[in-house]
Amino acid sequence: MIALVIGYGSIGKKHCKILNKIKNVKKVFVLTKQKIHNNFYKCKDLSSIKKINPDYIVISSSTKKHYKRLRQLNNILSNKIILVEKPLFEKYYNFEKLNNKVFVGYNLRFHPVITKIRQ
């Protein structure tokens, strides 16, 4: 499996490290302007994503860029798994057709119900 992480902030770095430890993941590409660690591959721009043809994509850029990135990925790729870090968007957008499976990462560890269950 080939993975792509869009955004290399604190959450993007965590995703890269975790993906790098999974045996099934052969390469981890990162789309960012920042300098990346040597064990990851740099994705230069959006046009090179189609050549990379990732199986799994994480969108961990700033929230205001999520919709634009998801729309771009949906136009150039299909049948991929895309994880969008929370929040999904900064406002409501309507997607008429999704060509990929899209999931939203949302950590509920501090949710009152989860806290009560732990107690």
PDB file of N, CA and C in Angstrom:
ATOM      1  N   MET A   1       0.835  -1.174   0.000  1.00  0.00           N
ATOM      2  CA  MET A   1       0.000   0.000   0.000  1.00  0.00           C
ATOM      3  C   MET A   1       0.883   1.243   0.000  1.00  0.00           C
ATOM      4  N   ILE A   2       0.452   2.236  -0.725  1.00  0.00           N
ATOM      5  CA  ILE A   2       1.144   3.525  -0.770  1.00  0.00           C
ATOM      6  C   ILE A   2       0.250   4.550  -0.086  1.00  0.00           C
ATOM      7  N   ALA A   3       0.823   5.306   0.837  1.00  0.00           N
ATOM      8  CA  ALA A   3       0.067   6.298   1.599  1.00  0.00           C
ATOM      9  C   ALA A   3       0.546   7.703   1.258  1.00  0.00           C
ATOM     10  N   LEU A   4      -0.367   8.640   1.360  1.00  0.00           N
ATOM     11  CA  LEU A   4      -0.062  10.054   1.139  1.00  0.00           C
ATOM     12  C   LEU A   4      -0.644  10.852   2.293  1.00  0.00           C
ATOM     13  N   VAL A   5       0.169  11.699   2.889  1.00  0.00           N
ATOM     14  CA  VAL A   5      -0.287  12.596   3.949  1.00  0.00           C
ATOM     15  C   VAL A   5      -0.170  14.017   3.417  1.00  0.00           C
ATOM     16  N   ILE A   6      -1.278  14.733   3.429  1.00  0.00           N
ATOM     17  CA  ILE A   6      -1.304  16.123   2.968  1.00  0.00           C
ATOM     18  C   ILE A   6      -1.281  17.005   4.201  1.00  0.00           C
ATOM     19  N   GLY A   7      -0.194  17.735   4.374  1.00  0.00           N
ATOM     20  CA  GLY A   7      -0.002  18.562   5.558  1.00  0.00           C
ATOM     21  C   GLY A   7       0.959  17.879   6.509  1.00  0.00           C
ATOM     22  N   TYR A   8       1.928  18.609   7.001  1.00  0.00           N
ATOM     23  CA  TYR A   8       2.972  18.028   7.848  1.00  0.00           C
ATOM     24  C   TYR A   8       3.106  18.797   9.155  1.00  0.00           C
ATOM     25  N   GLY A   9       1.953  19.176   9.696  1.00  0.00           N
ATOM     26  CA  GLY A   9       1.943  19.785  11.027  1.00  0.00           C
ATOM     27  C   GLY A   9       2.036  18.677  12.065  1.00  0.00           C
ATOM     28  N   SER A  10       1.664  18.957  13.285  1.00  0.00           N
ATOM     29  CA  SER A  10       1.804  17.953  14.342  1.00  0.00           C
ATOM     30  C   SER A  10       0.991  16.692  14.061  1.00  0.00           C
ATOM     31  N   ILE A  11      -0.233  16.837  13.576  1.00  0.00           N
ATOM     32  CA  ILE A  11      -1.068  15.674  13.283  1.00  0.00           C
ATOM     33  C   ILE A  11      -0.551  14.936  12.053  1.00  0.00           C
ATOM     34  N   GLY A  12      -0.145  15.664  11.038  1.00  0.00           N
ATOM     35  CA  GLY A  12       0.424  15.035   9.845  1.00  0.00           C
ATOM     36  C   GLY A  12       1.666  14.226  10.168  1.00  0.00           C
ATOM     37  N   LYS A  13       2.520  14.750  11.044  1.00  0.00           N
ATOM     38  CA  LYS A  13       3.723  14.021  11.462  1.00  0.00           C
ATOM     39  C   LYS A  13       3.360  12.735  12.204  1.00  0.00           C
ATOM     40  N   LYS A  14       2.325  12.798  13.048  1.00  0.00           N
ATOM     41  CA  LYS A  14       1.890  11.597  13.776  1.00  0.00           C
ATOM     42  C   LYS A  14       1.390  10.530  12.807  1.00  0.00           C
ATOM     43  N   HIS A  15       0.610  10.951  11.825  1.00  0.00           N
ATOM     44  CA  HIS A  15       0.117   9.993  10.830  1.00  0.00           C
ATOM     45  C   HIS A  15       1.283   9.362  10.068  1.00  0.00           C
ATOM     46  N   CYS A  16       2.263  10.171   9.693  1.00  0.00           N
ATOM     47  CA  CYS A  16       3.436   9.650   8.967  1.00  0.00           C
ATOM     48  C   CYS A  16       4.175   8.604   9.788  1.00  0.00           C
ATOM     49  N   LYS A  17       4.405   8.907  11.052  1.00  0.00           N
ATOM     50  CA  LYS A  17       5.129   7.964  11.914  1.00  0.00           C
ATOM     51  C   LYS A  17       4.365   6.652  12.073  1.00  0.00           C
ATOM     52  N   ILE A  18       3.068   6.752  12.262  1.00  0.00           N
ATOM     53  CA  ILE A  18       2.253   5.539  12.418  1.00  0.00           C
ATOM     54  C   ILE A  18       2.235   4.736  11.123  1.00  0.00           C
ATOM     55  N   LEU A  19       2.019   5.403  10.003  1.00  0.00           N
ATOM     56  CA  LEU A  19       1.993   4.707   8.709  1.00  0.00           C
ATOM     57  C   LEU A  19       3.328   4.049   8.405  1.00  0.00           C
ATOM     58  N   ASN A  20       4.404   4.693   8.792  1.00  0.00           N
ATOM     59  CA  ASN A  20       5.745   4.168   8.538  1.00  0.00           C
ATOM     60  C   ASN A  20       6.004   2.857   9.302  1.00  0.00           C
ATOM     61  N   LYS A  21       5.280   2.632  10.395  1.00  0.00           N
ATOM     62  CA  LYS A  21       5.460   1.430  11.205  1.00  0.00           C
ATOM     63  C   LYS A  21       4.598   0.258  10.731  1.00  0.00           C
ATOM     64  N   ILE A  22       3.659   0.514   9.844  1.00  0.00           N
ATOM     65  CA  ILE A  22       2.763  -0.543   9.362  1.00  0.00           C
ATOM     66  C   ILE A  22       3.451  -1.304   8.230  1.00  0.00           C
ATOM     67  N   LYS A  23       3.556  -2.604   8.386  1.00  0.00           N
ATOM     68  CA  LYS A  23       4.286  -3.436   7.420  1.00  0.00           C
ATOM     69  C   LYS A  23       3.681  -3.387   6.032  1.00  0.00           C
ATOM     70  N   ASN A  24       2.373  -3.284   5.942  1.00  0.00           N
ATOM     71  CA  ASN A  24       1.683  -3.281   4.659  1.00  0.00           C
ATOM     72  C   ASN A  24       1.919  -1.986   3.863  1.00  0.00           C
ATOM     73  N   VAL A  25       2.355  -0.929   4.528  1.00  0.00           N
ATOM     74  CA  VAL A  25       2.600   0.348   3.869  1.00  0.00           C
ATOM     75  C   VAL A  25       4.023   0.368   3.327  1.00  0.00           C
ATOM     76  N   LYS A  26       4.151   0.407   2.006  1.00  0.00           N
ATOM     77  CA  LYS A  26       5.469   0.355   1.369  1.00  0.00           C
ATOM     78  C   LYS A  26       6.146   1.715   1.338  1.00  0.00           C
ATOM     79  N   LYS A  27       5.376   2.764   1.056  1.00  0.00           N
ATOM     80  CA  LYS A  27       5.932   4.117   0.989  1.00  0.00           C
ATOM     81  C   LYS A  27       4.940   5.106   1.584  1.00  0.00           C
ATOM     82  N   VAL A  28       5.489   6.140   2.238  1.00  0.00           N
ATOM     83  CA  VAL A  28       4.683   7.227   2.763  1.00  0.00           C
ATOM     84  C   VAL A  28       5.151   8.511   2.082  1.00  0.00           C
ATOM     85  N   PHE A  29       4.258   9.108   1.288  1.00  0.00           N
ATOM     86  CA  PHE A  29       4.539  10.380   0.632  1.00  0.00           C
ATOM     87  C   PHE A  29       3.916  11.497   1.456  1.00  0.00           C
ATOM     88  N   VAL A  30       4.542  12.675   1.400  1.00  0.00           N
ATOM     89  CA  VAL A  30       4.039  13.826   2.137  1.00  0.00           C
ATOM     90  C   VAL A  30       3.967  15.015   1.184  1.00  0.00           C
ATOM     91  N   LEU A  31       2.798  15.648   1.134  1.00  0.00           N
ATOM     92  CA  LEU A  31       2.616  16.872   0.349  1.00  0.00           C
ATOM     93  C   LEU A  31       2.661  18.044   1.317  1.00  0.00           C
ATOM     94  N   THR A  32       3.758  18.773   1.287  1.00  0.00           N
ATOM     95  CA  THR A  32       3.952  19.908   2.188  1.00  0.00           C
ATOM     96  C   THR A  32       5.050  20.807   1.645  1.00  0.00           C
ATOM     97  N   LYS A  33       5.088  22.023   2.150  1.00  0.00           N
ATOM     98  CA  LYS A  33       6.185  22.934   1.817  1.00  0.00           C
ATOM     99  C   LYS A  33       7.323  22.801   2.825  1.00  0.00           C
ATOM    100  N   GLN A  34       7.037  22.134   3.932  1.00  0.00           N
ATOM    101  CA  GLN A  34       8.027  21.976   4.994  1.00  0.00           C
ATOM    102  C   GLN A  34       9.072  20.920   4.637  1.00  0.00           C
ATOM    103  N   LYS A  35      10.161  20.949   5.363  1.00  0.00           N
ATOM    104  CA  LYS A  35      11.176  19.909   5.242  1.00  0.00           C
ATOM    105  C   LYS A  35      10.636  18.667   5.947  1.00  0.00           C
ATOM    106  N   ILE A  36      10.838  17.493   5.328  1.00  0.00           N
ATOM    107  CA  ILE A  36      10.335  16.253   5.913  1.00  0.00           C
ATOM    108  C   ILE A  36      11.491  15.341   6.312  1.00  0.00           C
ATOM    109  N   HIS A  37      11.194  14.355   7.148  1.00  0.00           N
ATOM    110  CA  HIS A  37      12.207  13.398   7.579  1.00  0.00           C
ATOM    111  C   HIS A  37      12.621  12.502   6.418  1.00  0.00           C
ATOM    112  N   ASN A  38      13.807  11.957   6.486  1.00  0.00           N
ATOM    113  CA  ASN A  38      14.383  11.157   5.406  1.00  0.00           C
ATOM    114  C   ASN A  38      13.619   9.885   5.080  1.00  0.00           C
ATOM    115  N   ASN A  39      12.892   9.318   6.035  1.00  0.00           N
ATOM    116  CA  ASN A  39      12.210   8.062   5.763  1.00  0.00           C
ATOM    117  C   ASN A  39      10.858   8.236   5.071  1.00  0.00           C
ATOM    118  N   PHE A  40      10.516   9.465   4.672  1.00  0.00           N
ATOM    119  CA  PHE A  40       9.305   9.738   3.917  1.00  0.00           C
ATOM    120  C   PHE A  40       9.690  10.320   2.560  1.00  0.00           C
ATOM    121  N   TYR A  41       8.782  10.188   1.607  1.00  0.00           N
ATOM    122  CA  TYR A  41       9.014  10.695   0.251  1.00  0.00           C
ATOM    123  C   TYR A  41       8.243  11.987   0.051  1.00  0.00           C
ATOM    124  N   LYS A  42       8.872  12.933  -0.599  1.00  0.00           N
ATOM    125  CA  LYS A  42       8.255  14.235  -0.827  1.00  0.00           C
ATOM    126  C   LYS A  42       7.366  14.174  -2.069  1.00  0.00           C
ATOM    127  N   CYS A  43       6.156  14.646  -1.936  1.00  0.00           N
ATOM    128  CA  CYS A  43       5.246  14.805  -3.063  1.00  0.00           C
ATOM    129  C   CYS A  43       5.316  16.281  -3.441  1.00  0.00           C
ATOM    130  N   LYS A  44       5.798  16.572  -4.625  1.00  0.00           N
ATOM    131  CA  LYS A  44       6.105  17.958  -5.000  1.00  0.00           C
ATOM    132  C   LYS A  44       4.870  18.846  -5.133  1.00  0.00           C
ATOM    133  N   ASP A  45       3.829  18.339  -5.790  1.00  0.00           N
ATOM    134  CA  ASP A  45       2.630  19.150  -5.993  1.00  0.00           C
ATOM    135  C   ASP A  45       1.434  18.252  -6.250  1.00  0.00           C
ATOM    136  N   LEU A  46       0.284  18.866  -6.389  1.00  0.00           N
ATOM    137  CA  LEU A  46      -0.952  18.122  -6.561  1.00  0.00           C
ATOM    138  C   LEU A  46      -0.960  17.292  -7.844  1.00  0.00           C
ATOM    139  N   SER A  47      -0.316  17.777  -8.886  1.00  0.00           N
ATOM    140  CA  SER A  47      -0.317  17.045 -10.161  1.00  0.00           C
ATOM    141  C   SER A  47       0.451  15.726 -10.073  1.00  0.00           C
ATOM    142  N   SER A  48       1.394  15.621  -9.150  1.00  0.00           N
ATOM    143  CA  SER A  48       2.161  14.378  -9.017  1.00  0.00           C
ATOM    144  C   SER A  48       1.419  13.298  -8.226  1.00  0.00           C
ATOM    145  N   ILE A  49       0.303  13.657  -7.600  1.00  0.00           N
ATOM    146  CA  ILE A  49      -0.464  12.680  -6.818  1.00  0.00           C
ATOM    147  C   ILE A  49      -1.000  11.568  -7.712  1.00  0.00           C
ATOM    148  N   LYS A  50      -1.467  11.924  -8.886  1.00  0.00           N
ATOM    149  CA  LYS A  50      -2.004  10.910  -9.793  1.00  0.00           C
ATOM    150  C   LYS A  50      -0.926   9.900 -10.195  1.00  0.00           C
ATOM    151  N   LYS A  51       0.311  10.368 -10.375  1.00  0.00           N
ATOM    152  CA  LYS A  51       1.417   9.469 -10.716  1.00  0.00           C
ATOM    153  C   LYS A  51       1.747   8.538  -9.548  1.00  0.00           C
ATOM    154  N   ILE A  52       1.694   9.075  -8.341  1.00  0.00           N
ATOM    155  CA  ILE A  52       1.974   8.281  -7.137  1.00  0.00           C
ATOM    156  C   ILE A  52       0.891   7.221  -6.951  1.00  0.00           C
ATOM    157  N   ASN A  53      -0.354   7.580  -7.243  1.00  0.00           N
ATOM    158  CA  ASN A  53      -1.511   6.693  -7.139  1.00  0.00           C
ATOM    159  C   ASN A  53      -1.622   6.067  -5.739  1.00  0.00           C
ATOM    160  N   PRO A  54      -1.760   6.894  -4.697  1.00  0.00           N
ATOM    161  CA  PRO A  54      -1.824   6.357  -3.340  1.00  0.00           C
ATOM    162  C   PRO A  54      -3.109   5.578  -3.082  1.00  0.00           C
ATOM    163  N   ASP A  55      -3.017   4.598  -2.208  1.00  0.00           N
ATOM    164  CA  ASP A  55      -4.184   3.808  -1.832  1.00  0.00           C
ATOM    165  C   ASP A  55      -4.916   4.446  -0.653  1.00  0.00           C
ATOM    166  N   TYR A  56      -4.150   5.108   0.202  1.00  0.00           N
ATOM    167  CA  TYR A  56      -4.673   5.691   1.437  1.00  0.00           C
ATOM    168  C   TYR A  56      -4.159   7.114   1.549  1.00  0.00           C
ATOM    169  N   ILE A  57      -5.062   8.046   1.828  1.00  0.00           N
ATOM    170  CA  ILE A  57      -4.695   9.467   1.890  1.00  0.00           C
ATOM    171  C   ILE A  57      -5.215  10.064   3.191  1.00  0.00           C
ATOM    172  N   VAL A  58      -4.374  10.864   3.822  1.00  0.00           N
ATOM    173  CA  VAL A  58      -4.775  11.601   5.021  1.00  0.00           C
ATOM    174  C   VAL A  58      -4.692  13.084   4.695  1.00  0.00           C
ATOM    175  N   ILE A  59      -5.796  13.791   4.901  1.00  0.00           N
ATOM    176  CA  ILE A  59      -5.795  15.247   4.746  1.00  0.00           C
ATOM    177  C   ILE A  59      -5.670  15.833   6.147  1.00  0.00           C
ATOM    178  N   SER A  60      -4.486  16.373   6.436  1.00  0.00           N
ATOM    179  CA  SER A  60      -4.244  16.939   7.771  1.00  0.00           C
ATOM    180  C   SER A  60      -3.738  18.371   7.661  1.00  0.00           C
ATOM    181  N   SER A  61      -4.129  19.031   6.587  1.00  0.00           N
ATOM    182  CA  SER A  61      -3.767  20.439   6.410  1.00  0.00           C
ATOM    183  C   SER A  61      -4.709  21.298   7.247  1.00  0.00           C
ATOM    184  N   SER A  62      -4.614  22.600   7.122  1.00  0.00           N
ATOM    185  CA  SER A  62      -5.514  23.472   7.887  1.00  0.00           C
ATOM    186  C   SER A  62      -6.951  23.256   7.418  1.00  0.00           C
ATOM    187  N   THR A  63      -7.900  23.429   8.334  1.00  0.00           N
ATOM    188  CA  THR A  63      -9.305  23.146   8.068  1.00  0.00           C
ATOM    189  C   THR A  63      -9.827  23.881   6.844  1.00  0.00           C
ATOM    190  N   LYS A  64      -9.413  25.120   6.658  1.00  0.00           N
ATOM    191  CA  LYS A  64      -9.932  25.893   5.525  1.00  0.00           C
ATOM    192  C   LYS A  64      -9.499  25.320   4.173  1.00  0.00           C
ATOM    193  N   LYS A  65      -8.513  24.433   4.158  1.00  0.00           N
ATOM    194  CA  LYS A  65      -8.057  23.805   2.920  1.00  0.00           C
ATOM    195  C   LYS A  65      -8.667  22.413   2.694  1.00  0.00           C
ATOM    196  N   HIS A  66      -9.370  21.877   3.668  1.00  0.00           N
ATOM    197  CA  HIS A  66      -9.896  20.519   3.570  1.00  0.00           C
ATOM    198  C   HIS A  66     -10.823  20.327   2.371  1.00  0.00           C
ATOM    199  N   TYR A  67     -11.803  21.209   2.223  1.00  0.00           N
ATOM    200  CA  TYR A  67     -12.768  21.058   1.132  1.00  0.00           C
ATOM    201  C   TYR A  67     -12.072  21.119  -0.225  1.00  0.00           C
ATOM    202  N   LYS A  68     -11.199  22.080  -0.400  1.00  0.00           N
ATOM    203  CA  LYS A  68     -10.490  22.234  -1.673  1.00  0.00           C
ATOM    204  C   LYS A  68      -9.672  20.977  -1.986  1.00  0.00           C
ATOM    205  N   ARG A  69      -8.938  20.470  -1.013  1.00  0.00           N
ATOM    206  CA  ARG A  69      -8.121  19.271  -1.223  1.00  0.00           C
ATOM    207  C   ARG A  69      -8.988  18.049  -1.522  1.00  0.00           C
ATOM    208  N   LEU A  70     -10.060  17.896  -0.765  1.00  0.00           N
ATOM    209  CA  LEU A  70     -10.934  16.750  -0.978  1.00  0.00           C
ATOM    210  C   LEU A  70     -11.570  16.808  -2.366  1.00  0.00           C
ATOM    211  N   ARG A  71     -11.990  17.973  -2.777  1.00  0.00           N
ATOM    212  CA  ARG A  71     -12.567  18.149  -4.113  1.00  0.00           C
ATOM    213  C   ARG A  71     -11.541  17.823  -5.197  1.00  0.00           C
ATOM    214  N   GLN A  72     -10.303  18.309  -5.023  1.00  0.00           N
ATOM    215  CA  GLN A  72      -9.240  18.031  -5.995  1.00  0.00           C
ATOM    216  C   GLN A  72      -8.950  16.535  -6.070  1.00  0.00           C
ATOM    217  N   LEU A  73      -8.832  15.887  -4.926  1.00  0.00           N
ATOM    218  CA  LEU A  73      -8.565  14.443  -4.903  1.00  0.00           C
ATOM    219  C   LEU A  73      -9.704  13.666  -5.538  1.00  0.00           C
ATOM    220  N   ASN A  74     -10.925  14.097  -5.269  1.00  0.00           N
ATOM    221  CA  ASN A  74     -12.089  13.428  -5.827  1.00  0.00           C
ATOM    222  C   ASN A  74     -12.125  13.534  -7.352  1.00  0.00           C
ATOM    223  N   ASN A  75     -11.558  14.592  -7.898  1.00  0.00           N
ATOM    224  CA  ASN A  75     -11.534  14.785  -9.350  1.00  0.00           C
ATOM    225  C   ASN A  75     -10.444  13.971 -10.042  1.00  0.00           C
ATOM    226  N   ILE A  76      -9.355  13.667  -9.349  1.00  0.00           N
ATOM    227  CA  ILE A  76      -8.241  12.970 -10.021  1.00  0.00           C
ATOM    228  C   ILE A  76      -8.093  11.509  -9.622  1.00  0.00           C
ATOM    229  N   LEU A  77      -8.722  11.097  -8.511  1.00  0.00           N
ATOM    230  CA  LEU A  77      -8.588   9.721  -8.034  1.00  0.00           C
ATOM    231  C   LEU A  77      -9.956   9.105  -7.785  1.00  0.00           C
ATOM    232  N   SER A  78     -10.015   7.786  -7.831  1.00  0.00           N
ATOM    233  CA  SER A  78     -11.253   7.098  -7.471  1.00  0.00           C
ATOM    234  C   SER A  78     -10.920   5.786  -6.760  1.00  0.00           C
ATOM    235  N   ASN A  79     -11.879   5.326  -5.990  1.00  0.00           N
ATOM    236  CA  ASN A  79     -11.762   4.080  -5.219  1.00  0.00           C
ATOM    237  C   ASN A  79     -10.591   4.098  -4.235  1.00  0.00           C
ATOM    238  N   LYS A  80     -10.340   5.236  -3.629  1.00  0.00           N
ATOM    239  CA  LYS A  80      -9.286   5.378  -2.619  1.00  0.00           C
ATOM    240  C   LYS A  80      -9.927   5.578  -1.253  1.00  0.00           C
ATOM    241  N   ILE A  81      -9.154   5.385  -0.211  1.00  0.00           N
ATOM    242  CA  ILE A  81      -9.606   5.655   1.154  1.00  0.00           C
ATOM    243  C   ILE A  81      -8.973   6.977   1.586  1.00  0.00           C
ATOM    244  N   ILE A  82      -9.825   7.911   1.980  1.00  0.00           N
ATOM    245  CA  ILE A  82      -9.360   9.235   2.382  1.00  0.00           C
ATOM    246  C   ILE A  82      -9.837   9.515   3.803  1.00  0.00           C
ATOM    247  N   LEU A  83      -8.891   9.837   4.672  1.00  0.00           N
ATOM    248  CA  LEU A  83      -9.195  10.230   6.040  1.00  0.00           C
ATOM    249  C   LEU A  83      -8.971  11.729   6.151  1.00  0.00           C
ATOM    250  N   VAL A  84     -10.006  12.454   6.555  1.00  0.00           N
ATOM    251  CA  VAL A  84      -9.902  13.900   6.756  1.00  0.00           C
ATOM    252  C   VAL A  84      -9.888  14.152   8.246  1.00  0.00           C
ATOM    253  N   GLU A  85      -8.858  14.825   8.719  1.00  0.00           N
ATOM    254  CA  GLU A  85      -8.789  15.153  10.141  1.00  0.00           C
ATOM    255  C   GLU A  85      -9.888  16.151  10.489  1.00  0.00           C
ATOM    256  N   LYS A  86     -10.346  16.073  11.726  1.00  0.00           N
ATOM    257  CA  LYS A  86     -11.416  16.970  12.174  1.00  0.00           C
ATOM    258  C   LYS A  86     -10.915  18.397  12.307  1.00  0.00           C
ATOM    259  N   PRO A  87     -11.758  19.352  12.204  1.00  0.00           N
ATOM    260  CA  PRO A  87     -13.114  19.242  11.676  1.00  0.00           C
ATOM    261  C   PRO A  87     -13.089  19.035  10.169  1.00  0.00           C
ATOM    262  N   LEU A  88     -14.152  18.458   9.646  1.00  0.00           N
ATOM    263  CA  LEU A  88     -14.204  18.149   8.221  1.00  0.00           C
ATOM    264  C   LEU A  88     -14.048  19.412   7.381  1.00  0.00           C
ATOM    265  N   PHE A  89     -14.923  20.385   7.590  1.00  0.00           N
ATOM    266  CA  PHE A  89     -14.874  21.665   6.866  1.00  0.00           C
ATOM    267  C   PHE A  89     -15.141  22.799   7.850  1.00  0.00           C
ATOM    268  N   GLU A  90     -14.856  24.010   7.412  1.00  0.00           N
ATOM    269  CA  GLU A  90     -15.121  25.173   8.266  1.00  0.00           C
ATOM    270  C   GLU A  90     -16.556  25.663   8.117  1.00  0.00           C
ATOM    271  N   LYS A  91     -17.261  25.189   7.052  1.00  0.00           N
ATOM    272  CA  LYS A  91     -18.677  25.490   6.851  1.00  0.00           C
ATOM    273  C   LYS A  91     -19.284  24.364   6.022  1.00  0.00           C
ATOM    274  N   TYR A  92     -20.572  24.429   5.777  1.00  0.00           N
ATOM    275  CA  TYR A  92     -21.253  23.369   5.040  1.00  0.00           C
ATOM    276  C   TYR A  92     -20.932  23.426   3.543  1.00  0.00           C
ATOM    277  N   TYR A  93     -20.580  22.261   2.982  1.00  0.00           N
ATOM    278  CA  TYR A  93     -20.397  22.096   1.549  1.00  0.00           C
ATOM    279  C   TYR A  93     -21.164  20.843   1.138  1.00  0.00           C
ATOM    280  N   ASN A  94     -21.729  20.867  -0.059  1.00  0.00           N
ATOM    281  CA  ASN A  94     -22.474  19.713  -0.543  1.00  0.00           C
ATOM    282  C   ASN A  94     -21.668  18.994  -1.621  1.00  0.00           C
ATOM    283  N   PHE A  95     -21.383  17.722  -1.379  1.00  0.00           N
ATOM    284  CA  PHE A  95     -20.732  16.881  -2.382  1.00  0.00           C
ATOM    285  C   PHE A  95     -21.822  16.065  -3.051  1.00  0.00           C
ATOM    286  N   GLU A  96     -21.964  16.207  -4.351  1.00  0.00           N
ATOM    287  CA  GLU A  96     -22.990  15.439  -5.048  1.00  0.00           C
ATOM    288  C   GLU A  96     -22.527  14.020  -5.333  1.00  0.00           C
ATOM    289  N   LYS A  97     -21.261  13.874  -5.670  1.00  0.00           N
ATOM    290  CA  LYS A  97     -20.763  12.540  -5.997  1.00  0.00           C
ATOM    291  C   LYS A  97     -19.362  12.371  -5.435  1.00  0.00           C
ATOM    292  N   LEU A  98     -19.179  11.332  -4.662  1.00  0.00           N
ATOM    293  CA  LEU A  98     -17.854  11.007  -4.146  1.00  0.00           C
ATOM    294  C   LEU A  98     -17.336   9.779  -4.873  1.00  0.00           C
ATOM    295  N   ASN A  99     -16.129   9.872  -5.381  1.00  0.00           N
ATOM    296  CA  ASN A  99     -15.501   8.762  -6.085  1.00  0.00           C
ATOM    297  C   ASN A  99     -14.644   7.915  -5.154  1.00  0.00           C
ATOM    298  N   ASN A 100     -14.539   8.320  -3.902  1.00  0.00           N
ATOM    299  CA  ASN A 100     -13.672   7.666  -2.933  1.00  0.00           C
ATOM    300  C   ASN A 100     -14.424   7.444  -1.633  1.00  0.00           C
ATOM    301  N   LYS A 101     -13.876   6.588  -0.774  1.00  0.00           N
ATOM    302  CA  LYS A 101     -14.432   6.397   0.560  1.00  0.00           C
ATOM    303  C   LYS A 101     -13.795   7.434   1.468  1.00  0.00           C
ATOM    304  N   VAL A 102     -14.617   8.280   2.051  1.00  0.00           N
ATOM    305  CA  VAL A 102     -14.111   9.385   2.873  1.00  0.00           C
ATOM    306  C   VAL A 102     -14.548   9.184   4.323  1.00  0.00           C
ATOM    307  N   PHE A 103     -13.578   9.303   5.230  1.00  0.00           N
ATOM    308  CA  PHE A 103     -13.814   9.172   6.660  1.00  0.00           C
ATOM    309  C   PHE A 103     -13.306  10.421   7.361  1.00  0.00           C
ATOM    310  N   VAL A 104     -13.862  10.701   8.530  1.00  0.00           N
ATOM    311  CA  VAL A 104     -13.418  11.855   9.317  1.00  0.00           C
ATOM    312  C   VAL A 104     -12.830  11.342  10.616  1.00  0.00           C
ATOM    313  N   GLY A 105     -11.585  11.750  10.904  1.00  0.00           N
ATOM    314  CA  GLY A 105     -10.934  11.382  12.152  1.00  0.00           C
ATOM    315  C   GLY A 105     -11.408  12.296  13.257  1.00  0.00           C
ATOM    316  N   TYR A 106     -12.002  11.712  14.264  1.00  0.00           N
ATOM    317  CA  TYR A 106     -12.511  12.504  15.376  1.00  0.00           C
ATOM    318  C   TYR A 106     -12.215  11.770  16.668  1.00  0.00           C
ATOM    319  N   ASN A 107     -11.437  12.366  17.524  1.00  0.00           N
ATOM    320  CA  ASN A 107     -11.034  11.752  18.777  1.00  0.00           C
ATOM    321  C   ASN A 107     -12.079  12.042  19.849  1.00  0.00           C
ATOM    322  N   LEU A 108     -12.678  10.989  20.377  1.00  0.00           N
ATOM    323  CA  LEU A 108     -13.736  11.148  21.388  1.00  0.00           C
ATOM    324  C   LEU A 108     -13.265  10.846  22.803  1.00  0.00           C
ATOM    325  N   ARG A 109     -11.963  10.785  23.032  1.00  0.00           N
ATOM    326  CA  ARG A 109     -11.483  10.333  24.340  1.00  0.00           C
ATOM    327  C   ARG A 109     -11.901  11.240  25.490  1.00  0.00           C
ATOM    328  N   PHE A 110     -12.218  12.511  25.236  1.00  0.00           N
ATOM    329  CA  PHE A 110     -12.648  13.409  26.308  1.00  0.00           C
ATOM    330  C   PHE A 110     -14.152  13.666  26.287  1.00  0.00           C
ATOM    331  N   HIS A 111     -14.881  12.952  25.456  1.00  0.00           N
ATOM    332  CA  HIS A 111     -16.332  13.101  25.395  1.00  0.00           C
ATOM    333  C   HIS A 111     -16.913  12.629  26.735  1.00  0.00           C
ATOM    334  N   PRO A 112     -17.894  13.362  27.269  1.00  0.00           N
ATOM    335  CA  PRO A 112     -18.457  12.998  28.587  1.00  0.00           C
ATOM    336  C   PRO A 112     -18.959  11.548  28.659  1.00  0.00           C
ATOM    337  N   VAL A 113     -19.548  11.043  27.604  1.00  0.00           N
ATOM    338  CA  VAL A 113     -20.061   9.671  27.615  1.00  0.00           C
ATOM    339  C   VAL A 113     -18.902   8.681  27.718  1.00  0.00           C
ATOM    340  N   ILE A 114     -17.844   8.897  26.969  1.00  0.00           N
ATOM    341  CA  ILE A 114     -16.679   8.013  27.008  1.00  0.00           C
ATOM    342  C   ILE A 114     -16.033   8.074  28.384  1.00  0.00           C
ATOM    343  N   THR A 115     -15.927   9.264  28.942  1.00  0.00           N
ATOM    344  CA  THR A 115     -15.346   9.424  30.279  1.00  0.00           C
ATOM    345  C   THR A 115     -16.175   8.658  31.321  1.00  0.00           C
ATOM    346  N   LYS A 116     -17.487   8.734  31.206  1.00  0.00           N
ATOM    347  CA  LYS A 116     -18.369   8.016  32.137  1.00  0.00           C
ATOM    348  C   LYS A 116     -18.217   6.504  31.997  1.00  0.00           C
ATOM    349  N   ILE A 117     -18.092   6.024  30.770  1.00  0.00           N
ATOM    350  CA  ILE A 117     -17.914   4.587  30.538  1.00  0.00           C
ATOM    351  C   ILE A 117     -16.612   4.117  31.180  1.00  0.00           C
ATOM    352  N   ARG A 118     -15.561   4.900  31.054  1.00  0.00           N
ATOM    353  CA  ARG A 118     -14.278   4.536  31.670  1.00  0.00           C
ATOM    354  C   ARG A 118     -14.377   4.431  33.188  1.00  0.00           C
ATOM    355  N   GLN A 119     -15.141   5.333  33.781  1.00  0.00           N
ATOM    356  CA  GLN A 119     -15.292   5.334  35.236  1.00  0.00           C
ATOM    357  C   GLN A 119     -16.029   4.100  35.685  1.00  0.00           C
TER     358      GLN A 119
END
